[in-house]
Amino acid sequence: MNQLQPITKNGQRVLTTLQLAESFGADTKIINRNFQRNSDRYVQGKHYFSLTGEELREFKGSRQIDDSLKFTSVLYLWTEKGAWLHAKSLNTDQAWDAYEMLVDDYYRVKENVTSLSKDQALVTVLRTTADLVENYDSVVKEQHELRKLVIQVDQKVEEQITLDHGEQRRLQKAIATKVYEVCDDPEERPKLFREIYREIKDRFAVTSYKDVKRKELQSAIRYVENWIPRKVVS
């Protein structure tokens, strides 16, 4: 990564959109598109600063800037947290690697480190804790959505499960009980067995009674219990 020209705003280092795009190996249009698509996630003063009017003119006059920015009416300066959101949106190895380098070599200046007072240290700890809580809430939300998706997949799978051996035996037993209940003639019973099995396949749209869905087992048993042969057998 090329040496970046330091830019500070409100006591913290920031990057222009062009600098951020070059660092991430992306185009400024991609950075701007990420910002537009996720604008509700970006907070001014936290993730970026927007310079317009006199403030923008003073900024342009105080430093050398890219020719493409000379006539811009609004200039975005991205903080470390803003760069993190962009890296998350791009979600490429190059973007994450570049972000880590920015944090190590640009945003967090290691030279001339000054000691913090107790009050300053407390503020830093509180801000860090608030950031951790914010990130934790985001992770918890993502995990909750993932659990919901897993449950939905499990439900879909459960809906397609067919009868196991024991459940097939329960249905067979219900069928046999019904046939013997409605017919005393051993010679007629095979016809009734064929009839009831055929109707079960038609009723539950399966090629075999074994393919009846597990969730429909109770419905199949009730169907058998209320079944009446087409030809009344004496």
C-alpha atoms as a PDB file:
ATOM      1  CA  MET A   1       0.000   0.000   0.000  1.00  0.00           C
ATOM      2  CA  ASN A   2       1.394   3.424  -0.974  1.00  0.00           C
ATOM      3  CA  GLN A   3       2.226   5.954   1.735  1.00  0.00           C
ATOM      4  CA  LEU A   4      -0.945   7.920   2.383  1.00  0.00           C
ATOM      5  CA  GLN A   5      -0.979  11.650   2.892  1.00  0.00           C
ATOM      6  CA  PRO A   6      -2.287  12.110   6.447  1.00  0.00           C
ATOM      7  CA  ILE A   7      -5.620  13.911   6.769  1.00  0.00           C
ATOM      8  CA  THR A   8      -7.093  14.751  10.167  1.00  0.00           C
ATOM      9  CA  LYS A   9     -10.591  15.832  11.084  1.00  0.00           C
ATOM     10  CA  ASN A  10     -11.759  16.534  14.623  1.00  0.00           C
ATOM     11  CA  GLY A  11      -8.579  15.041  16.017  1.00  0.00           C
ATOM     12  CA  GLN A  12      -8.752  11.744  14.132  1.00  0.00           C
ATOM     13  CA  ARG A  13      -7.285  10.507  10.889  1.00  0.00           C
ATOM     14  CA  VAL A  14      -9.619  10.172   7.890  1.00  0.00           C
ATOM     15  CA  LEU A  15      -9.391   9.212   4.224  1.00  0.00           C
ATOM     16  CA  THR A  16     -11.017  10.633   1.124  1.00  0.00           C
ATOM     17  CA  THR A  17     -13.183   8.340  -0.977  1.00  0.00           C
ATOM     18  CA  LEU A  18     -10.424   8.158  -3.589  1.00  0.00           C
ATOM     19  CA  GLN A  19      -7.790   7.174  -0.994  1.00  0.00           C
ATOM     20  CA  LEU A  20     -10.103   4.543   0.487  1.00  0.00           C
ATOM     21  CA  ALA A  21     -10.930   3.105  -2.956  1.00  0.00           C
ATOM     22  CA  GLU A  22      -7.243   2.917  -3.917  1.00  0.00           C
ATOM     23  CA  SER A  23      -6.400   1.238  -0.605  1.00  0.00           C
ATOM     24  CA  PHE A  24      -9.127  -1.380  -1.113  1.00  0.00           C
ATOM     25  CA  GLY A  25      -8.220  -1.930  -4.760  1.00  0.00           C
ATOM     26  CA  ALA A  26     -11.673  -0.716  -5.764  1.00  0.00           C
ATOM     27  CA  ASP A  27     -13.235   2.104  -7.780  1.00  0.00           C
ATOM     28  CA  THR A  28     -14.695   5.227  -6.185  1.00  0.00           C
ATOM     29  CA  LYS A  29     -18.018   4.329  -7.815  1.00  0.00           C
ATOM     30  CA  ILE A  30     -18.087   1.093  -5.805  1.00  0.00           C
ATOM     31  CA  ILE A  31     -17.377   2.961  -2.551  1.00  0.00           C
ATOM     32  CA  ASN A  32     -20.115   5.501  -3.347  1.00  0.00           C
ATOM     33  CA  ARG A  33     -22.539   2.707  -4.291  1.00  0.00           C
ATOM     34  CA  ASN A  34     -21.876   0.910  -1.000  1.00  0.00           C
ATOM     35  CA  PHE A  35     -22.564   4.130   0.860  1.00  0.00           C
ATOM     36  CA  GLN A  36     -25.810   4.795  -1.015  1.00  0.00           C
ATOM     37  CA  ARG A  37     -27.109   1.230  -0.591  1.00  0.00           C
ATOM     38  CA  ASN A  38     -26.327   1.156   3.134  1.00  0.00           C
ATOM     39  CA  SER A  39     -26.764   4.815   4.003  1.00  0.00           C
ATOM     40  CA  ASP A  40     -28.883   3.965   7.046  1.00  0.00           C
ATOM     41  CA  ARG A  41     -25.859   2.206   8.608  1.00  0.00           C
ATOM     42  CA  TYR A  42     -23.498   5.163   8.244  1.00  0.00           C
ATOM     43  CA  VAL A  43     -23.582   7.894  10.893  1.00  0.00           C
ATOM     44  CA  GLN A  44     -22.044  11.270  10.188  1.00  0.00           C
ATOM     45  CA  GLY A  45     -19.382  12.141  12.736  1.00  0.00           C
ATOM     46  CA  LYS A  46     -18.849   8.466  13.519  1.00  0.00           C
ATOM     47  CA  HIS A  47     -18.272   6.782  10.173  1.00  0.00           C
ATOM     48  CA  TYR A  48     -17.652   9.801   7.972  1.00  0.00           C
ATOM     49  CA  PHE A  49     -17.554  13.593   7.731  1.00  0.00           C
ATOM     50  CA  SER A  50     -19.321  15.430   4.932  1.00  0.00           C
ATOM     51  CA  LEU A  51     -17.645  18.679   3.869  1.00  0.00           C
ATOM     52  CA  THR A  52     -19.622  21.297   1.959  1.00  0.00           C
ATOM     53  CA  GLY A  53     -19.636  25.050   1.451  1.00  0.00           C
ATOM     54  CA  GLU A  54     -17.045  27.119   3.303  1.00  0.00           C
ATOM     55  CA  GLU A  55     -15.692  24.127   5.210  1.00  0.00           C
ATOM     56  CA  LEU A  56     -14.990  22.350   1.926  1.00  0.00           C
ATOM     57  CA  ARG A  57     -13.327  25.430   0.419  1.00  0.00           C
ATOM     58  CA  GLU A  58     -11.062  25.761   3.458  1.00  0.00           C
ATOM     59  CA  PHE A  59     -10.156  22.086   3.204  1.00  0.00           C
ATOM     60  CA  LYS A  60      -9.288  22.404  -0.499  1.00  0.00           C
ATOM     61  CA  GLY A  61      -7.224  25.533   0.149  1.00  0.00           C
ATOM     62  CA  SER A  62      -5.246  23.983   2.994  1.00  0.00           C
ATOM     63  CA  ARG A  63      -3.843  21.005   1.060  1.00  0.00           C
ATOM     64  CA  GLN A  64      -3.052  19.565  -2.314  1.00  0.00           C
ATOM     65  CA  ILE A  65      -5.904  17.399  -3.523  1.00  0.00           C
ATOM     66  CA  ASP A  66      -6.626  15.296  -6.575  1.00  0.00           C
ATOM     67  CA  ASP A  67      -7.666  17.341  -9.639  1.00  0.00           C
ATOM     68  CA  SER A  68     -10.917  15.360  -9.802  1.00  0.00           C
ATOM     69  CA  LEU A  69     -11.962  16.848  -6.446  1.00  0.00           C
ATOM     70  CA  LYS A  70     -11.406  20.502  -7.344  1.00  0.00           C
ATOM     71  CA  PHE A  71     -14.944  21.030  -8.545  1.00  0.00           C
ATOM     72  CA  THR A  72     -16.784  18.642  -6.222  1.00  0.00           C
ATOM     73  CA  SER A  73     -19.546  20.207  -4.108  1.00  0.00           C
ATOM     74  CA  VAL A  74     -19.412  17.628  -1.318  1.00  0.00           C
ATOM     75  CA  LEU A  75     -16.439  15.676  -0.019  1.00  0.00           C
ATOM     76  CA  TYR A  76     -16.669  12.602   2.217  1.00  0.00           C
ATOM     77  CA  LEU A  77     -13.903  11.809   4.683  1.00  0.00           C
ATOM     78  CA  TRP A  78     -14.001   8.266   6.088  1.00  0.00           C
ATOM     79  CA  THR A  79     -13.067   7.351   9.643  1.00  0.00           C
ATOM     80  CA  GLU A  80     -11.700   3.994  10.765  1.00  0.00           C
ATOM     81  CA  LYS A  81     -15.233   2.809  11.576  1.00  0.00           C
ATOM     82  CA  GLY A  82     -16.403   3.974   8.145  1.00  0.00           C
ATOM     83  CA  ALA A  83     -13.600   2.041   6.484  1.00  0.00           C
ATOM     84  CA  TRP A  84     -14.656  -1.020   8.482  1.00  0.00           C
ATOM     85  CA  LEU A  85     -18.225  -0.774   7.150  1.00  0.00           C
ATOM     86  CA  HIS A  86     -16.951  -0.492   3.589  1.00  0.00           C
ATOM     87  CA  ALA A  87     -14.668  -3.513   4.065  1.00  0.00           C
ATOM     88  CA  LYS A  88     -17.646  -5.441   5.425  1.00  0.00           C
ATOM     89  CA  SER A  89     -19.773  -4.455   2.410  1.00  0.00           C
ATOM     90  CA  LEU A  90     -17.065  -5.385  -0.107  1.00  0.00           C
ATOM     91  CA  ASN A  91     -16.306  -8.591   1.841  1.00  0.00           C
ATOM     92  CA  THR A  92     -13.273  -9.515  -0.223  1.00  0.00           C
ATOM     93  CA  ASP A  93      -9.923 -10.786   1.061  1.00  0.00           C
ATOM     94  CA  GLN A  94      -8.218  -7.787  -0.517  1.00  0.00           C
ATOM     95  CA  ALA A  95     -10.543  -5.349   1.239  1.00  0.00           C
ATOM     96  CA  TRP A  96     -10.074  -6.991   4.656  1.00  0.00           C
ATOM     97  CA  ASP A  97      -6.287  -7.170   4.215  1.00  0.00           C
ATOM     98  CA  ALA A  98      -6.207  -3.518   3.184  1.00  0.00           C
ATOM     99  CA  TYR A  99      -8.388  -2.570   6.146  1.00  0.00           C
ATOM    100  CA  GLU A 100      -6.017  -4.270   8.589  1.00  0.00           C
ATOM    101  CA  MET A 101      -3.076  -2.421   7.035  1.00  0.00           C
ATOM    102  CA  LEU A 102      -4.940   0.881   7.268  1.00  0.00           C
ATOM    103  CA  VAL A 103      -5.635   0.286  10.943  1.00  0.00           C
ATOM    104  CA  ASP A 104      -2.036  -0.713  11.687  1.00  0.00           C
ATOM    105  CA  ASP A 105      -0.247   1.873   9.554  1.00  0.00           C
ATOM    106  CA  TYR A 106      -2.585   4.838   9.148  1.00  0.00           C
ATOM    107  CA  TYR A 107      -5.547   5.210  11.468  1.00  0.00           C
ATOM    108  CA  ARG A 108      -3.754   4.198  14.659  1.00  0.00           C
ATOM    109  CA  VAL A 109      -0.610   6.293  14.711  1.00  0.00           C
ATOM    110  CA  LYS A 110       2.074   4.610  16.850  1.00  0.00           C
ATOM    111  CA  GLU A 111       4.570   7.491  16.936  1.00  0.00           C
ATOM    112  CA  ASN A 112       4.594  10.081  19.725  1.00  0.00           C
ATOM    113  CA  VAL A 113       2.176   8.161  21.891  1.00  0.00           C
ATOM    114  CA  THR A 114       1.043  10.316  24.792  1.00  0.00           C
ATOM    115  CA  SER A 115      -0.212   9.104  28.135  1.00  0.00           C
ATOM    116  CA  LEU A 116      -3.897   9.481  28.806  1.00  0.00           C
ATOM    117  CA  SER A 117      -5.303  11.057  31.909  1.00  0.00           C
ATOM    118  CA  LYS A 118      -7.688   8.995  34.008  1.00  0.00           C
ATOM    119  CA  ASP A 119     -10.650  10.832  32.506  1.00  0.00           C
ATOM    120  CA  GLN A 120      -9.358  10.338  28.966  1.00  0.00           C
ATOM    121  CA  ALA A 121      -8.697   6.664  29.656  1.00  0.00           C
ATOM    122  CA  LEU A 122     -12.218   6.266  31.033  1.00  0.00           C
ATOM    123  CA  VAL A 123     -13.726   7.900  27.948  1.00  0.00           C
ATOM    124  CA  THR A 124     -11.655   5.590  25.725  1.00  0.00           C
ATOM    125  CA  VAL A 125     -12.767   2.522  27.656  1.00  0.00           C
ATOM    126  CA  LEU A 126     -16.415   3.615  27.504  1.00  0.00           C
ATOM    127  CA  ARG A 127     -16.217   4.220  23.761  1.00  0.00           C
ATOM    128  CA  THR A 128     -14.533   0.867  23.199  1.00  0.00           C
ATOM    129  CA  THR A 129     -17.167  -0.861  25.326  1.00  0.00           C
ATOM    130  CA  ALA A 130     -19.963   0.864  23.395  1.00  0.00           C
ATOM    131  CA  ASP A 131     -18.419  -0.315  20.111  1.00  0.00           C
ATOM    132  CA  LEU A 132     -18.140  -3.865  21.437  1.00  0.00           C
ATOM    133  CA  VAL A 133     -21.789  -3.805  22.538  1.00  0.00           C
ATOM    134  CA  GLU A 134     -22.836  -2.498  19.122  1.00  0.00           C
ATOM    135  CA  ASN A 135     -20.870  -5.233  17.359  1.00  0.00           C
ATOM    136  CA  TYR A 136     -22.182  -7.861  19.790  1.00  0.00           C
ATOM    137  CA  ASP A 137     -25.780  -6.829  19.112  1.00  0.00           C
ATOM    138  CA  SER A 138     -25.109  -7.115  15.387  1.00  0.00           C
ATOM    139  CA  VAL A 139     -23.632 -10.610  15.802  1.00  0.00           C
ATOM    140  CA  VAL A 140     -26.543 -11.707  18.001  1.00  0.00           C
ATOM    141  CA  LYS A 141     -29.007 -10.459  15.390  1.00  0.00           C
ATOM    142  CA  GLU A 142     -27.178 -12.333  12.618  1.00  0.00           C
ATOM    143  CA  GLN A 143     -27.111 -15.504  14.738  1.00  0.00           C
ATOM    144  CA  HIS A 144     -30.840 -15.137  15.416  1.00  0.00           C
ATOM    145  CA  GLU A 145     -31.537 -14.841  11.683  1.00  0.00           C
ATOM    146  CA  LEU A 146     -29.326 -17.880  11.047  1.00  0.00           C
ATOM    147  CA  ARG A 147     -31.210 -19.919  13.656  1.00  0.00           C
ATOM    148  CA  LYS A 148     -34.506 -18.957  12.018  1.00  0.00           C
ATOM    149  CA  LEU A 149     -33.153 -20.092   8.653  1.00  0.00           C
ATOM    150  CA  VAL A 150     -31.967 -23.421  10.116  1.00  0.00           C
ATOM    151  CA  ILE A 151     -35.405 -23.984  11.674  1.00  0.00           C
ATOM    152  CA  GLN A 152     -37.092 -23.257   8.343  1.00  0.00           C
ATOM    153  CA  VAL A 153     -34.772 -25.713   6.562  1.00  0.00           C
ATOM    154  CA  ASP A 154     -35.427 -28.346   9.228  1.00  0.00           C
ATOM    155  CA  GLN A 155     -39.166 -27.868   8.793  1.00  0.00           C
ATOM    156  CA  LYS A 156     -38.864 -28.269   5.021  1.00  0.00           C
ATOM    157  CA  VAL A 157     -36.838 -31.446   5.467  1.00  0.00           C
ATOM    158  CA  GLU A 158     -39.288 -32.767   8.066  1.00  0.00           C
ATOM    159  CA  GLU A 159     -42.163 -32.243   5.660  1.00  0.00           C
ATOM    160  CA  GLN A 160     -40.524 -34.568   3.106  1.00  0.00           C
ATOM    161  CA  ILE A 161     -39.713 -37.452   5.486  1.00  0.00           C
ATOM    162  CA  THR A 162     -41.674 -40.629   4.704  1.00  0.00           C
ATOM    163  CA  LEU A 163     -42.791 -43.406   7.030  1.00  0.00           C
ATOM    164  CA  ASP A 164     -40.150 -45.462   8.774  1.00  0.00           C
ATOM    165  CA  HIS A 165     -40.570 -49.225   9.198  1.00  0.00           C
ATOM    166  CA  GLY A 166     -42.504 -48.957  12.454  1.00  0.00           C
ATOM    167  CA  GLU A 167     -44.872 -46.347  11.035  1.00  0.00           C
ATOM    168  CA  GLN A 168     -45.458 -48.462   7.926  1.00  0.00           C
ATOM    169  CA  ARG A 169     -46.449 -51.342  10.217  1.00  0.00           C
ATOM    170  CA  ARG A 170     -48.929 -49.089  12.047  1.00  0.00           C
ATOM    171  CA  LEU A 171     -50.597 -48.178   8.761  1.00  0.00           C
ATOM    172  CA  GLN A 172     -50.615 -51.813   7.600  1.00  0.00           C
ATOM    173  CA  LYS A 173     -52.207 -52.875  10.878  1.00  0.00           C
ATOM    174  CA  ALA A 174     -54.906 -50.193  10.566  1.00  0.00           C
ATOM    175  CA  ILE A 175     -55.642 -51.363   6.998  1.00  0.00           C
ATOM    176  CA  ALA A 176     -55.837 -55.027   8.012  1.00  0.00           C
ATOM    177  CA  THR A 177     -58.102 -54.204  10.946  1.00  0.00           C
ATOM    178  CA  LYS A 178     -60.455 -52.286   8.642  1.00  0.00           C
ATOM    179  CA  VAL A 179     -60.586 -54.999   5.969  1.00  0.00           C
ATOM    180  CA  TYR A 180     -61.314 -57.735   8.521  1.00  0.00           C
ATOM    181  CA  GLU A 181     -63.923 -55.470  10.091  1.00  0.00           C
ATOM    182  CA  VAL A 182     -65.919 -54.980   6.876  1.00  0.00           C
ATOM    183  CA  CYS A 183     -65.471 -58.452   5.332  1.00  0.00           C
ATOM    184  CA  ASP A 184     -65.851 -61.949   6.714  1.00  0.00           C
ATOM    185  CA  ASP A 185     -65.209 -63.708   3.395  1.00  0.00           C
ATOM    186  CA  PRO A 186     -61.521 -64.729   3.013  1.00  0.00           C
ATOM    187  CA  GLU A 187     -61.903 -64.851  -0.770  1.00  0.00           C
ATOM    188  CA  GLU A 188     -63.123 -61.239  -0.952  1.00  0.00           C
ATOM    189  CA  ARG A 189     -60.535 -59.737   1.364  1.00  0.00           C
ATOM    190  CA  PRO A 190     -57.664 -59.600  -1.202  1.00  0.00           C
ATOM    191  CA  LYS A 191     -59.861 -57.432  -3.426  1.00  0.00           C
ATOM    192  CA  LEU A 192     -60.534 -55.066  -0.531  1.00  0.00           C
ATOM    193  CA  PHE A 193     -56.837 -54.876   0.350  1.00  0.00           C
ATOM    194  CA  ARG A 194     -56.041 -53.911  -3.246  1.00  0.00           C
ATOM    195  CA  GLU A 195     -58.853 -51.367  -3.240  1.00  0.00           C
ATOM    196  CA  ILE A 196     -57.878 -49.647  -0.009  1.00  0.00           C
ATOM    197  CA  TYR A 197     -54.154 -49.522  -0.894  1.00  0.00           C
ATOM    198  CA  ARG A 198     -55.051 -48.050  -4.296  1.00  0.00           C
ATOM    199  CA  GLU A 199     -57.234 -45.386  -2.679  1.00  0.00           C
ATOM    200  CA  ILE A 200     -54.510 -44.485  -0.170  1.00  0.00           C
ATOM    201  CA  LYS A 201     -52.061 -43.938  -3.040  1.00  0.00           C
ATOM    202  CA  ASP A 202     -54.601 -41.755  -4.851  1.00  0.00           C
ATOM    203  CA  ARG A 203     -55.596 -39.879  -1.707  1.00  0.00           C
ATOM    204  CA  PHE A 204     -52.020 -39.015  -0.669  1.00  0.00           C
ATOM    205  CA  ALA A 205     -50.510 -38.820  -4.175  1.00  0.00           C
ATOM    206  CA  VAL A 206     -47.851 -41.509  -3.640  1.00  0.00           C
ATOM    207  CA  THR A 207     -46.743 -44.555  -5.601  1.00  0.00           C
ATOM    208  CA  SER A 208     -46.732 -46.767  -2.513  1.00  0.00           C
ATOM    209  CA  TYR A 209     -48.221 -46.579   0.958  1.00  0.00           C
ATOM    210  CA  LYS A 210     -44.581 -46.531   2.169  1.00  0.00           C
ATOM    211  CA  ASP A 211     -44.169 -43.100   0.573  1.00  0.00           C
ATOM    212  CA  VAL A 212     -46.847 -41.472   2.726  1.00  0.00           C
ATOM    213  CA  LYS A 213     -45.262 -38.520   4.536  1.00  0.00           C
ATOM    214  CA  ARG A 214     -44.650 -38.940   8.251  1.00  0.00           C
ATOM    215  CA  LYS A 215     -46.593 -35.760   8.969  1.00  0.00           C
ATOM    216  CA  GLU A 216     -49.620 -37.345   7.221  1.00  0.00           C
ATOM    217  CA  LEU A 217     -49.567 -40.654   9.095  1.00  0.00           C
ATOM    218  CA  GLN A 218     -52.413 -39.745  11.444  1.00  0.00           C
ATOM    219  CA  SER A 219     -54.479 -38.472   8.510  1.00  0.00           C
ATOM    220  CA  ALA A 220     -53.859 -41.751   6.657  1.00  0.00           C
ATOM    221  CA  ILE A 221     -54.912 -43.806   9.690  1.00  0.00           C
ATOM    222  CA  ARG A 222     -58.102 -41.742  10.116  1.00  0.00           C
ATOM    223  CA  TYR A 223     -58.800 -42.173   6.413  1.00  0.00           C
ATOM    224  CA  VAL A 224     -58.507 -45.950   6.803  1.00  0.00           C
ATOM    225  CA  GLU A 225     -60.694 -46.013   9.920  1.00  0.00           C
ATOM    226  CA  ASN A 226     -63.466 -44.167   8.050  1.00  0.00           C
ATOM    227  CA  TRP A 227     -62.976 -46.015   4.774  1.00  0.00           C
ATOM    228  CA  ILE A 228     -66.011 -47.635   3.105  1.00  0.00           C
ATOM    229  CA  PRO A 229     -65.477 -50.090   0.246  1.00  0.00           C
ATOM    230  CA  ARG A 230     -67.088 -49.226  -3.057  1.00  0.00           C
ATOM    231  CA  LYS A 231     -68.954 -52.489  -2.980  1.00  0.00           C
ATOM    232  CA  VAL A 232     -70.623 -53.281   0.302  1.00  0.00           C
ATOM    233  CA  VAL A 233     -69.506 -56.727   1.393  1.00  0.00           C
ATOM    234  CA  SER A 234     -71.912 -58.788   3.446  1.00  0.00           C
END
